[in-house]
N, C-alpha and C. Protein backbone atom coordinates (compact mmCIF):
# COMPACT_ATOMS: atom_id res chain seq x y z
N MET A 1 88.90 266.37 50.12
CA MET A 1 87.49 266.25 50.37
C MET A 1 86.93 267.66 50.64
N PRO A 2 85.88 268.08 49.93
CA PRO A 2 85.35 269.43 50.12
C PRO A 2 84.69 269.58 51.48
N MET A 3 84.82 270.78 52.02
CA MET A 3 84.17 271.07 53.30
C MET A 3 82.70 271.40 53.04
N THR A 4 81.87 271.05 53.97
CA THR A 4 80.46 271.38 53.86
C THR A 4 80.07 272.30 55.01
N ALA A 5 79.12 273.15 54.76
CA ALA A 5 78.66 274.06 55.80
C ALA A 5 77.85 273.27 56.81
N SER A 6 78.17 273.48 58.10
CA SER A 6 77.45 272.75 59.14
C SER A 6 76.30 273.57 59.70
N SER A 7 76.28 274.86 59.40
CA SER A 7 75.17 275.69 59.86
C SER A 7 74.95 276.82 58.86
N SER A 8 73.87 277.54 59.05
CA SER A 8 73.56 278.63 58.14
C SER A 8 74.06 279.98 58.66
N ARG A 9 74.86 279.97 59.70
CA ARG A 9 75.37 281.21 60.28
C ARG A 9 76.88 281.13 60.44
N ALA A 10 77.51 282.28 60.37
CA ALA A 10 78.96 282.35 60.60
C ALA A 10 79.26 282.12 62.07
N MET A 11 80.44 281.57 62.33
CA MET A 11 80.88 281.41 63.72
C MET A 11 81.23 282.79 64.28
N ALA A 12 81.18 282.93 65.57
CA ALA A 12 81.57 284.18 66.23
C ALA A 12 83.06 284.43 65.98
N PRO A 13 83.45 285.69 65.75
CA PRO A 13 84.87 285.97 65.50
C PRO A 13 85.73 285.64 66.72
N ASN A 14 86.96 285.23 66.46
CA ASN A 14 87.90 284.91 67.54
C ASN A 14 88.92 286.03 67.70
N PHE A 15 88.55 287.27 67.39
CA PHE A 15 89.46 288.41 67.44
C PHE A 15 88.69 289.65 67.86
N SER A 16 89.42 290.65 68.31
CA SER A 16 88.80 291.91 68.71
C SER A 16 88.63 292.82 67.50
N THR A 17 87.83 293.87 67.67
CA THR A 17 87.66 294.85 66.60
C THR A 17 88.99 295.49 66.24
N GLY A 18 89.81 295.77 67.24
CA GLY A 18 91.13 296.35 67.00
C GLY A 18 92.03 295.41 66.20
N GLU A 19 92.02 294.14 66.54
CA GLU A 19 92.81 293.16 65.79
C GLU A 19 92.34 293.08 64.34
N PHE A 20 91.02 293.13 64.15
CA PHE A 20 90.46 293.09 62.80
C PHE A 20 90.91 294.31 62.00
N ARG A 21 90.83 295.49 62.62
CA ARG A 21 91.25 296.72 61.95
C ARG A 21 92.73 296.66 61.56
N HIS A 22 93.58 296.15 62.46
CA HIS A 22 95.01 296.05 62.15
C HIS A 22 95.28 295.05 61.02
N ALA A 23 94.56 293.95 61.03
CA ALA A 23 94.73 292.96 59.95
C ALA A 23 94.30 293.54 58.61
N LEU A 24 93.17 294.28 58.59
CA LEU A 24 92.72 294.92 57.36
C LEU A 24 93.74 295.93 56.86
N GLY A 25 94.41 296.61 57.80
CA GLY A 25 95.41 297.61 57.44
C GLY A 25 96.63 297.03 56.73
N MET A 26 96.78 295.71 56.74
CA MET A 26 97.90 295.08 56.04
C MET A 26 97.65 294.98 54.54
N PHE A 27 96.42 295.29 54.12
CA PHE A 27 96.11 295.30 52.69
C PHE A 27 96.36 296.71 52.18
N ALA A 28 97.35 296.86 51.33
CA ALA A 28 97.66 298.18 50.77
C ALA A 28 96.57 298.59 49.79
N THR A 29 96.12 299.83 49.91
CA THR A 29 95.06 300.33 49.04
C THR A 29 95.46 301.67 48.45
N GLY A 30 94.75 302.06 47.43
CA GLY A 30 94.83 303.42 46.96
C GLY A 30 93.98 304.29 47.87
N VAL A 31 94.08 305.60 47.69
CA VAL A 31 93.32 306.53 48.51
C VAL A 31 92.43 307.35 47.58
N THR A 32 91.15 307.45 47.93
CA THR A 32 90.22 308.21 47.11
C THR A 32 89.54 309.28 47.96
N ILE A 33 89.01 310.27 47.27
CA ILE A 33 88.08 311.21 47.89
C ILE A 33 86.80 311.12 47.07
N VAL A 34 85.70 310.79 47.76
CA VAL A 34 84.40 310.69 47.11
C VAL A 34 83.70 312.02 47.32
N THR A 35 83.19 312.61 46.24
CA THR A 35 82.58 313.94 46.31
C THR A 35 81.20 313.93 45.67
N ALA A 36 80.38 314.88 46.10
CA ALA A 36 79.05 315.05 45.51
C ALA A 36 78.58 316.47 45.76
N ARG A 37 77.55 316.85 45.04
CA ARG A 37 76.86 318.13 45.25
C ARG A 37 75.42 317.78 45.58
N THR A 38 74.92 318.30 46.70
CA THR A 38 73.55 318.01 47.11
C THR A 38 72.57 318.78 46.23
N ALA A 39 71.30 318.45 46.35
CA ALA A 39 70.25 319.14 45.57
C ALA A 39 70.23 320.64 45.87
N SER A 40 70.64 321.02 47.09
CA SER A 40 70.68 322.45 47.44
C SER A 40 71.97 323.13 47.00
N GLY A 41 72.89 322.36 46.42
CA GLY A 41 74.15 322.92 45.93
C GLY A 41 75.32 322.81 46.88
N SER A 42 75.11 322.28 48.09
CA SER A 42 76.20 322.09 49.04
C SER A 42 77.16 321.01 48.55
N LEU A 43 78.44 321.18 48.88
CA LEU A 43 79.45 320.20 48.51
C LEU A 43 79.68 319.25 49.68
N VAL A 44 79.80 317.96 49.38
CA VAL A 44 80.16 316.96 50.38
C VAL A 44 81.32 316.14 49.83
N GLY A 45 82.16 315.67 50.72
CA GLY A 45 83.28 314.85 50.31
C GLY A 45 83.94 314.19 51.49
N LEU A 46 84.59 313.07 51.25
CA LEU A 46 85.27 312.33 52.31
C LEU A 46 86.37 311.47 51.72
N THR A 47 87.36 311.19 52.55
CA THR A 47 88.44 310.28 52.16
C THR A 47 87.96 308.85 52.37
N ALA A 48 88.22 308.01 51.38
CA ALA A 48 87.82 306.60 51.47
C ALA A 48 88.86 305.73 50.79
N ASN A 49 89.15 304.59 51.39
CA ASN A 49 90.03 303.62 50.72
C ASN A 49 89.28 302.33 50.43
N SER A 50 87.97 302.35 50.59
CA SER A 50 87.13 301.18 50.32
C SER A 50 86.56 301.26 48.91
N PHE A 51 87.43 301.31 47.94
CA PHE A 51 87.04 301.45 46.53
C PHE A 51 87.45 300.20 45.78
N ASN A 52 86.59 299.76 44.85
CA ASN A 52 86.90 298.55 44.10
C ASN A 52 86.12 298.54 42.79
N SER A 53 86.68 297.91 41.78
CA SER A 53 85.93 297.71 40.55
C SER A 53 84.98 296.54 40.75
N VAL A 54 83.85 296.58 40.05
CA VAL A 54 82.85 295.51 40.14
C VAL A 54 82.66 294.84 38.79
N SER A 55 82.51 295.64 37.73
CA SER A 55 82.18 295.10 36.42
C SER A 55 82.71 296.02 35.32
N LEU A 56 83.13 295.43 34.22
CA LEU A 56 83.54 296.22 33.06
C LEU A 56 82.36 296.54 32.16
N SER A 57 81.38 295.63 32.12
CA SER A 57 80.23 295.84 31.26
C SER A 57 78.96 295.36 31.97
N PRO A 58 78.17 296.25 32.52
CA PRO A 58 78.34 297.70 32.49
C PRO A 58 79.48 298.13 33.42
N PRO A 59 80.01 299.34 33.22
CA PRO A 59 81.12 299.79 34.07
C PRO A 59 80.62 300.15 35.47
N LEU A 60 80.97 299.31 36.45
CA LEU A 60 80.52 299.50 37.83
C LEU A 60 81.69 299.52 38.79
N VAL A 61 81.62 300.39 39.80
CA VAL A 61 82.58 300.45 40.89
C VAL A 61 81.81 300.48 42.20
N LEU A 62 82.51 300.20 43.31
CA LEU A 62 81.87 300.29 44.61
C LEU A 62 82.76 300.99 45.60
N TRP A 63 82.15 301.50 46.66
CA TRP A 63 82.84 302.06 47.81
C TRP A 63 81.88 301.93 48.98
N SER A 64 82.38 302.09 50.19
CA SER A 64 81.48 301.96 51.34
C SER A 64 81.64 303.12 52.30
N LEU A 65 80.56 303.37 53.05
CA LEU A 65 80.49 304.50 53.97
C LEU A 65 79.83 304.03 55.26
N ALA A 66 80.40 304.43 56.39
CA ALA A 66 79.82 304.09 57.70
C ALA A 66 78.41 304.66 57.80
N LYS A 67 77.49 303.85 58.32
CA LYS A 67 76.12 304.31 58.49
C LYS A 67 76.05 305.57 59.34
N SER A 68 77.00 305.73 60.26
CA SER A 68 77.01 306.87 61.17
C SER A 68 77.64 308.13 60.57
N ALA A 69 78.14 308.08 59.34
CA ALA A 69 78.81 309.22 58.73
C ALA A 69 77.85 310.39 58.56
N GLY A 70 78.33 311.59 58.82
CA GLY A 70 77.51 312.78 58.69
C GLY A 70 77.03 313.02 57.27
N SER A 71 77.76 312.52 56.31
CA SER A 71 77.40 312.73 54.90
C SER A 71 76.53 311.61 54.33
N MET A 72 76.11 310.66 55.17
CA MET A 72 75.33 309.52 54.69
C MET A 72 74.06 309.98 53.97
N ALA A 73 73.33 310.93 54.54
CA ALA A 73 72.07 311.37 53.92
C ALA A 73 72.32 311.95 52.54
N ALA A 74 73.37 312.75 52.40
CA ALA A 74 73.67 313.37 51.11
C ALA A 74 74.03 312.32 50.06
N PHE A 75 74.87 311.36 50.42
CA PHE A 75 75.28 310.35 49.44
C PHE A 75 74.15 309.37 49.13
N SER A 76 73.36 309.00 50.12
CA SER A 76 72.31 308.02 49.85
C SER A 76 71.15 308.63 49.05
N ALA A 77 70.92 309.93 49.18
CA ALA A 77 69.81 310.57 48.47
C ALA A 77 70.21 311.12 47.10
N GLY A 78 71.51 311.35 46.90
CA GLY A 78 71.96 311.96 45.66
C GLY A 78 71.96 311.01 44.48
N SER A 79 71.84 311.57 43.28
CA SER A 79 71.82 310.74 42.08
C SER A 79 73.22 310.46 41.52
N HIS A 80 74.19 311.32 41.86
CA HIS A 80 75.54 311.17 41.30
C HIS A 80 76.61 311.49 42.34
N TYR A 81 77.77 310.94 42.14
CA TYR A 81 78.96 311.28 42.93
C TYR A 81 80.19 311.02 42.07
N ALA A 82 81.32 311.52 42.54
CA ALA A 82 82.59 311.29 41.84
C ALA A 82 83.57 310.62 42.79
N ILE A 83 84.35 309.72 42.25
CA ILE A 83 85.43 309.08 43.01
C ILE A 83 86.73 309.58 42.40
N ASN A 84 87.53 310.26 43.22
CA ASN A 84 88.78 310.87 42.81
C ASN A 84 89.93 310.07 43.41
N ILE A 85 90.77 309.45 42.58
CA ILE A 85 91.91 308.68 43.08
C ILE A 85 93.09 309.63 43.21
N LEU A 86 93.61 309.74 44.43
CA LEU A 86 94.63 310.74 44.74
C LEU A 86 96.01 310.37 44.21
N SER A 87 96.77 311.41 43.88
CA SER A 87 98.15 311.24 43.45
C SER A 87 99.07 311.22 44.66
N ALA A 88 100.29 310.75 44.46
CA ALA A 88 101.25 310.57 45.54
C ALA A 88 101.52 311.86 46.31
N ASP A 89 101.33 313.02 45.69
CA ASP A 89 101.61 314.29 46.37
C ASP A 89 100.36 314.90 47.02
N GLN A 90 99.29 314.14 47.18
CA GLN A 90 98.05 314.68 47.74
C GLN A 90 97.71 314.14 49.14
N GLN A 91 98.73 313.81 49.92
CA GLN A 91 98.51 313.32 51.28
C GLN A 91 97.78 314.36 52.13
N ALA A 92 98.13 315.63 52.02
CA ALA A 92 97.47 316.67 52.81
C ALA A 92 95.99 316.75 52.46
N LEU A 93 95.67 316.57 51.20
CA LEU A 93 94.27 316.60 50.76
C LEU A 93 93.50 315.42 51.36
N ALA A 94 94.12 314.24 51.39
CA ALA A 94 93.50 313.07 52.02
C ALA A 94 93.20 313.35 53.48
N GLN A 95 94.14 313.97 54.17
CA GLN A 95 93.94 314.27 55.59
C GLN A 95 92.87 315.34 55.77
N GLN A 96 92.83 316.34 54.90
CA GLN A 96 91.82 317.40 54.99
C GLN A 96 90.41 316.82 54.85
N PHE A 97 90.22 315.90 53.91
CA PHE A 97 88.89 315.33 53.69
C PHE A 97 88.56 314.23 54.71
N ALA A 98 89.55 313.79 55.49
CA ALA A 98 89.29 312.82 56.57
C ALA A 98 88.97 313.53 57.88
N SER A 99 89.25 314.83 57.96
CA SER A 99 89.03 315.61 59.18
C SER A 99 87.54 315.78 59.46
N LYS A 100 87.18 315.72 60.72
CA LYS A 100 85.77 315.89 61.10
C LYS A 100 85.38 317.36 61.27
N ASP A 101 86.34 318.21 61.61
CA ASP A 101 86.00 319.59 61.97
C ASP A 101 86.37 320.64 60.94
N ALA A 102 87.03 320.27 59.86
CA ALA A 102 87.51 321.25 58.89
C ALA A 102 86.49 321.47 57.77
N ASP A 103 86.60 322.63 57.11
CA ASP A 103 85.87 322.85 55.86
C ASP A 103 86.65 322.05 54.81
N ARG A 104 86.14 320.93 54.43
CA ARG A 104 86.89 320.01 53.58
C ARG A 104 87.23 320.59 52.22
N PHE A 105 86.43 321.51 51.71
CA PHE A 105 86.68 322.08 50.39
C PHE A 105 87.46 323.39 50.44
N ALA A 106 87.88 323.84 51.61
CA ALA A 106 88.62 325.10 51.74
C ALA A 106 89.94 325.02 50.96
N GLY A 107 90.10 325.92 50.01
CA GLY A 107 91.33 325.98 49.23
C GLY A 107 91.51 324.87 48.22
N VAL A 108 90.50 324.07 47.98
CA VAL A 108 90.61 322.91 47.08
C VAL A 108 90.19 323.31 45.67
N ALA A 109 91.07 323.06 44.72
CA ALA A 109 90.77 323.35 43.32
C ALA A 109 90.04 322.16 42.70
N PHE A 110 88.91 322.47 42.03
CA PHE A 110 88.14 321.42 41.38
C PHE A 110 87.31 322.02 40.27
N VAL A 111 86.81 321.14 39.41
CA VAL A 111 85.83 321.53 38.40
C VAL A 111 84.60 320.67 38.64
N SER A 112 83.46 321.15 38.18
CA SER A 112 82.24 320.37 38.32
C SER A 112 82.13 319.37 37.18
N GLY A 113 81.82 318.12 37.54
CA GLY A 113 81.61 317.10 36.53
C GLY A 113 80.28 317.31 35.82
N ALA A 114 79.98 316.45 34.89
CA ALA A 114 78.77 316.56 34.07
C ALA A 114 77.50 316.62 34.90
N ALA A 115 77.45 315.90 36.04
CA ALA A 115 76.27 315.90 36.89
C ALA A 115 76.46 316.78 38.13
N GLY A 116 77.56 317.55 38.17
CA GLY A 116 77.78 318.50 39.25
C GLY A 116 78.73 318.07 40.34
N ALA A 117 79.10 316.80 40.42
CA ALA A 117 80.02 316.35 41.47
C ALA A 117 81.40 316.95 41.25
N PRO A 118 82.06 317.41 42.32
CA PRO A 118 83.40 317.99 42.18
C PRO A 118 84.44 316.96 41.72
N LEU A 119 85.20 317.35 40.69
CA LEU A 119 86.34 316.57 40.20
C LEU A 119 87.58 317.33 40.65
N LEU A 120 88.36 316.73 41.55
CA LEU A 120 89.49 317.41 42.16
C LEU A 120 90.66 317.51 41.19
N ASN A 121 91.31 318.66 41.18
CA ASN A 121 92.48 318.87 40.33
C ASN A 121 93.65 318.03 40.83
N GLY A 122 94.46 317.53 39.90
CA GLY A 122 95.69 316.83 40.24
C GLY A 122 95.56 315.37 40.59
N VAL A 123 94.36 314.80 40.50
CA VAL A 123 94.19 313.37 40.83
C VAL A 123 94.72 312.51 39.68
N VAL A 124 94.99 311.24 39.97
CA VAL A 124 95.49 310.34 38.93
C VAL A 124 94.36 309.76 38.09
N ALA A 125 93.15 309.71 38.66
CA ALA A 125 91.98 309.23 37.92
C ALA A 125 90.72 309.73 38.61
N SER A 126 89.65 309.83 37.83
CA SER A 126 88.36 310.19 38.42
C SER A 126 87.27 309.39 37.71
N PHE A 127 86.22 309.11 38.47
CA PHE A 127 85.08 308.34 37.97
C PHE A 127 83.82 309.11 38.34
N GLU A 128 83.05 309.51 37.35
CA GLU A 128 81.77 310.16 37.58
C GLU A 128 80.70 309.08 37.53
N CYS A 129 79.98 308.93 38.63
CA CYS A 129 79.09 307.78 38.80
C CYS A 129 77.65 308.17 39.04
N PHE A 130 76.75 307.40 38.42
CA PHE A 130 75.34 307.41 38.77
C PHE A 130 75.19 306.51 39.99
N ASN A 131 74.46 306.96 41.00
CA ASN A 131 74.26 306.22 42.24
C ASN A 131 73.28 305.07 41.99
N ARG A 132 73.80 303.97 41.47
CA ARG A 132 72.98 302.86 40.96
C ARG A 132 72.28 302.06 42.05
N SER A 133 73.02 301.68 43.10
CA SER A 133 72.41 300.87 44.16
C SER A 133 73.19 301.00 45.46
N GLN A 134 72.51 300.63 46.55
CA GLN A 134 73.10 300.70 47.88
C GLN A 134 72.70 299.44 48.65
N TYR A 135 73.64 298.92 49.43
CA TYR A 135 73.40 297.71 50.20
C TYR A 135 73.88 297.92 51.62
N GLU A 136 72.99 297.77 52.59
CA GLU A 136 73.38 297.85 53.99
C GLU A 136 73.99 296.52 54.40
N GLU A 137 75.21 296.59 54.93
CA GLU A 137 75.90 295.41 55.45
C GLU A 137 76.67 295.82 56.69
N GLY A 138 76.37 295.19 57.80
CA GLY A 138 77.06 295.52 59.05
C GLY A 138 76.86 296.99 59.39
N ASP A 139 77.95 297.66 59.73
CA ASP A 139 77.88 299.07 60.12
C ASP A 139 78.15 300.02 58.96
N HIS A 140 78.12 299.52 57.73
CA HIS A 140 78.39 300.33 56.54
C HIS A 140 77.29 300.16 55.48
N VAL A 141 77.28 301.07 54.54
CA VAL A 141 76.47 300.96 53.34
C VAL A 141 77.42 300.86 52.16
N ILE A 142 77.21 299.87 51.31
CA ILE A 142 78.01 299.70 50.10
C ILE A 142 77.29 300.42 48.97
N PHE A 143 77.98 301.36 48.33
CA PHE A 143 77.44 302.10 47.20
C PHE A 143 78.01 301.51 45.92
N VAL A 144 77.14 301.17 44.99
CA VAL A 144 77.58 300.72 43.66
C VAL A 144 77.25 301.84 42.69
N GLY A 145 78.29 302.32 42.01
CA GLY A 145 78.12 303.40 41.05
C GLY A 145 78.29 302.91 39.63
N GLU A 146 77.42 303.37 38.74
CA GLU A 146 77.58 303.09 37.33
C GLU A 146 78.38 304.25 36.74
N VAL A 147 79.55 303.94 36.22
CA VAL A 147 80.47 304.98 35.75
C VAL A 147 79.97 305.52 34.42
N GLU A 148 79.74 306.83 34.40
CA GLU A 148 79.29 307.52 33.19
C GLU A 148 80.45 308.19 32.45
N ARG A 149 81.47 308.61 33.21
CA ARG A 149 82.66 309.23 32.64
C ARG A 149 83.85 308.88 33.52
N CYS A 150 85.01 308.73 32.90
CA CYS A 150 86.23 308.54 33.69
C CYS A 150 87.41 309.16 32.95
N THR A 151 88.40 309.55 33.73
CA THR A 151 89.64 310.10 33.19
C THR A 151 90.80 309.50 33.97
N HIS A 152 91.98 309.53 33.37
CA HIS A 152 93.19 309.13 34.10
C HIS A 152 94.40 309.81 33.49
N THR A 153 95.46 309.90 34.28
CA THR A 153 96.71 310.50 33.84
C THR A 153 97.74 309.40 33.68
N VAL A 154 98.16 309.16 32.47
CA VAL A 154 99.14 308.10 32.18
C VAL A 154 100.44 308.39 32.92
N GLY A 155 100.97 307.38 33.60
CA GLY A 155 102.25 307.50 34.28
C GLY A 155 102.21 308.19 35.63
N ALA A 156 101.05 308.64 36.07
CA ALA A 156 100.95 309.33 37.36
C ALA A 156 101.09 308.33 38.50
N ALA A 157 101.73 308.76 39.59
CA ALA A 157 101.92 307.90 40.76
C ALA A 157 100.79 308.11 41.76
N PRO A 158 100.11 307.03 42.19
CA PRO A 158 99.01 307.16 43.13
C PRO A 158 99.49 307.25 44.58
N LEU A 159 98.64 307.77 45.43
CA LEU A 159 98.88 307.76 46.87
C LEU A 159 98.40 306.41 47.40
N LEU A 160 99.20 305.77 48.23
CA LEU A 160 98.87 304.46 48.78
C LEU A 160 98.73 304.55 50.29
N TYR A 161 97.98 303.61 50.87
CA TYR A 161 97.78 303.56 52.31
C TYR A 161 97.97 302.13 52.78
N HIS A 162 98.82 301.96 53.81
CA HIS A 162 99.12 300.62 54.32
C HIS A 162 99.54 300.73 55.77
N GLY A 163 98.95 299.92 56.63
CA GLY A 163 99.36 299.87 58.03
C GLY A 163 99.23 301.21 58.75
N GLY A 164 98.25 302.03 58.34
CA GLY A 164 98.03 303.31 59.01
C GLY A 164 98.93 304.43 58.52
N LYS A 165 99.68 304.21 57.43
CA LYS A 165 100.59 305.23 56.91
C LYS A 165 100.39 305.41 55.41
N PHE A 166 100.72 306.61 54.92
CA PHE A 166 100.68 306.89 53.49
C PHE A 166 102.02 306.51 52.85
N TYR A 167 101.95 306.08 51.59
CA TYR A 167 103.13 305.71 50.83
C TYR A 167 102.97 306.20 49.40
N ALA A 168 104.10 306.35 48.72
CA ALA A 168 104.11 306.54 47.29
C ALA A 168 104.60 305.23 46.68
N GLU A 169 104.16 304.94 45.47
CA GLU A 169 104.55 303.68 44.87
C GLU A 169 106.03 303.66 44.52
N HIS A 170 106.62 302.50 44.58
CA HIS A 170 107.99 302.28 44.14
C HIS A 170 108.01 301.01 43.33
N PRO A 171 108.03 301.14 42.00
CA PRO A 171 108.02 299.92 41.17
C PRO A 171 109.17 298.99 41.52
N LEU A 172 108.90 297.71 41.47
CA LEU A 172 109.93 296.71 41.76
C LEU A 172 110.77 296.42 40.55
């Protein structure tokens, strides 16, 4: 017998924020660095594992950013960004772009994409995206990008994240 909704609102969660974070950490993800160039030419970038495909036609992907992030203004106002999927040997790069106090682009090799967003060297794949739409949900903004260009390296091993730790893939 199908269940029916008894109200138009979700029930209050029966878990703490910490429990929720730990449960989410059980989902293994790839690791990305999202990059952009502001209208003034400044570079912005951050480590994100909230990346997902949305549609093949048109080619759409999504990622999310905390509303409180220092780079929110740059990403929400910009027309383009790049999503760089890290390779298994780029753990230090993931940590550098996750740091709050470091110059995230210090010593980082990259080329500028067609719309100016940095494409990091050595990644397993990159997606150059038009900033198509944004949706505020909870404490984050979901960015949907329309992919204008993408590249990938056949056979490259991605960097993975699970349970608060980095991993390299091991085929079964």
